[in-house]
Amino acid sequence: MIWYKEKNVQAVIKNKLEQKGFKITADSGNSGHGVDLKAYHRKQRYYWIIEVKGYPGGNSEVAQRQNYFWQVLGQILGRMTQENACYGICLPDHEFFEGKF
């Protein structure tokens, strides 16, 4: 398993949300369409809407890695429409993303 690939990062977050009592109501999986993860907590009655990006890995250009970062920010900003939702982005724990926030 290549831990920094988007689908693997997404699977870890999905599992953690389910452990905390969330029901996954949307999961883009490998389709690449729509919100990456949308999870609803029945008791607390709110959603988490999360955009996930992996790390391109290999010998990818710095520009491609930067593009992933800006892309995830744009995607989550474009989805901020629900009042009863928390929004987040998820990036792999990789040195490239350190200090970006």
Protein backbone atom coordinates (compact mmCIF):
# COMPACT_ATOMS: atom_id res chain seq x y z
CA MET A 1 0.00 0.00 0.00
CA ILE A 2 1.32 3.42 -0.92
CA TRP A 3 0.13 5.40 2.10
CA TYR A 4 0.23 8.84 0.49
CA LYS A 5 -2.09 8.04 -2.44
CA GLU A 6 -5.44 9.82 -2.23
CA LYS A 7 -7.64 6.72 -2.02
CA ASN A 8 -5.54 5.38 0.88
CA VAL A 9 -5.62 8.67 2.78
CA GLN A 10 -9.38 8.82 2.21
CA ALA A 11 -9.85 5.26 3.51
CA VAL A 12 -8.06 6.11 6.77
CA ILE A 13 -10.24 9.20 7.34
CA LYS A 14 -13.42 7.28 6.46
CA ASN A 15 -12.54 4.57 8.97
CA LYS A 16 -11.83 7.12 11.74
CA LEU A 17 -15.14 8.91 11.12
CA GLU A 18 -17.07 5.64 11.27
CA GLN A 19 -15.34 4.74 14.55
CA LYS A 20 -16.53 8.06 15.97
CA GLY A 21 -20.17 7.32 15.11
CA PHE A 22 -20.48 9.05 11.74
CA LYS A 23 -22.42 7.55 8.84
CA ILE A 24 -20.68 8.08 5.51
CA THR A 25 -23.29 9.54 3.15
CA ALA A 26 -20.97 10.30 0.22
CA ASP A 27 -17.69 8.70 -0.76
CA SER A 28 -16.14 9.48 -4.11
CA GLY A 29 -13.92 6.40 -3.87
CA ASN A 30 -12.10 6.10 -7.14
CA SER A 31 -14.70 7.98 -9.19
CA GLY A 32 -13.11 11.39 -8.68
CA HIS A 33 -16.53 13.05 -8.84
CA GLY A 34 -18.27 15.03 -6.13
CA VAL A 35 -17.26 15.55 -2.55
CA ASP A 36 -14.58 13.12 -1.38
CA LEU A 37 -16.24 12.36 1.97
CA LYS A 38 -19.48 13.49 3.55
CA ALA A 39 -20.28 12.10 6.97
CA TYR A 40 -23.30 12.66 9.21
CA HIS A 41 -23.35 12.31 12.98
CA ARG A 42 -26.89 11.28 13.96
CA LYS A 43 -26.69 12.17 17.65
CA GLN A 44 -25.09 15.56 17.17
CA ARG A 45 -26.89 16.26 13.89
CA TYR A 46 -24.15 17.76 11.81
CA TYR A 47 -22.09 16.88 8.76
CA TRP A 48 -18.39 16.79 8.02
CA ILE A 49 -17.63 17.55 4.39
CA ILE A 50 -14.02 16.70 3.61
CA GLU A 51 -11.89 17.12 0.52
CA VAL A 52 -8.91 14.78 0.33
CA LYS A 53 -5.72 15.03 -1.68
CA GLY A 54 -2.86 12.61 -1.84
CA TYR A 55 0.75 13.30 -2.57
CA PRO A 56 1.68 12.81 -6.22
CA GLY A 57 4.87 10.97 -5.23
CA GLY A 58 7.64 9.81 -7.46
CA ASN A 59 9.56 12.48 -9.29
CA SER A 60 6.59 14.77 -9.73
CA GLU A 61 7.36 18.38 -10.28
CA VAL A 62 7.07 20.82 -7.39
CA ALA A 63 4.43 22.65 -9.44
CA GLN A 64 2.23 19.53 -9.47
CA ARG A 65 2.51 19.17 -5.70
CA GLN A 66 1.62 22.82 -5.23
CA ASN A 67 -1.30 22.38 -7.61
CA TYR A 68 -2.70 19.60 -5.39
CA PHE A 69 -2.57 21.92 -2.41
CA TRP A 70 -4.33 24.85 -4.12
CA GLN A 71 -6.83 22.52 -5.76
CA VAL A 72 -8.03 21.06 -2.44
CA LEU A 73 -8.50 24.58 -1.04
CA GLY A 74 -10.56 25.64 -4.04
CA GLN A 75 -12.68 22.50 -3.91
CA ILE A 76 -13.61 22.88 -0.25
CA LEU A 77 -14.34 26.60 -0.60
CA GLY A 78 -16.70 25.80 -3.48
CA ARG A 79 -18.62 23.33 -1.30
CA MET A 80 -19.23 25.62 1.66
CA THR A 81 -23.00 25.89 1.33
CA GLN A 82 -24.48 24.00 4.29
CA GLU A 83 -25.08 25.74 7.61
CA ASN A 84 -25.07 22.52 9.67
CA ALA A 85 -21.72 21.31 8.35
CA CYS A 86 -18.10 21.43 9.33
CA TYR A 87 -15.64 21.57 6.47
CA GLY A 88 -12.17 20.18 6.24
CA ILE A 89 -9.34 19.17 4.04
CA CYS A 90 -7.18 16.12 4.47
CA LEU A 91 -3.63 15.86 3.22
CA PRO A 92 -1.13 13.07 3.90
CA ASP A 93 1.44 13.60 6.61
CA HIS A 94 4.23 14.51 4.23
CA GLU A 95 7.04 17.00 4.65
CA PHE A 96 5.96 18.87 1.51
CA PHE A 97 2.71 20.01 3.18
CA GLU A 98 4.33 21.03 6.47
CA GLY A 99 4.15 24.74 7.16
CA LYS A 100 1.48 25.38 4.51
CA PHE A 101 -1.11 26.36 7.11
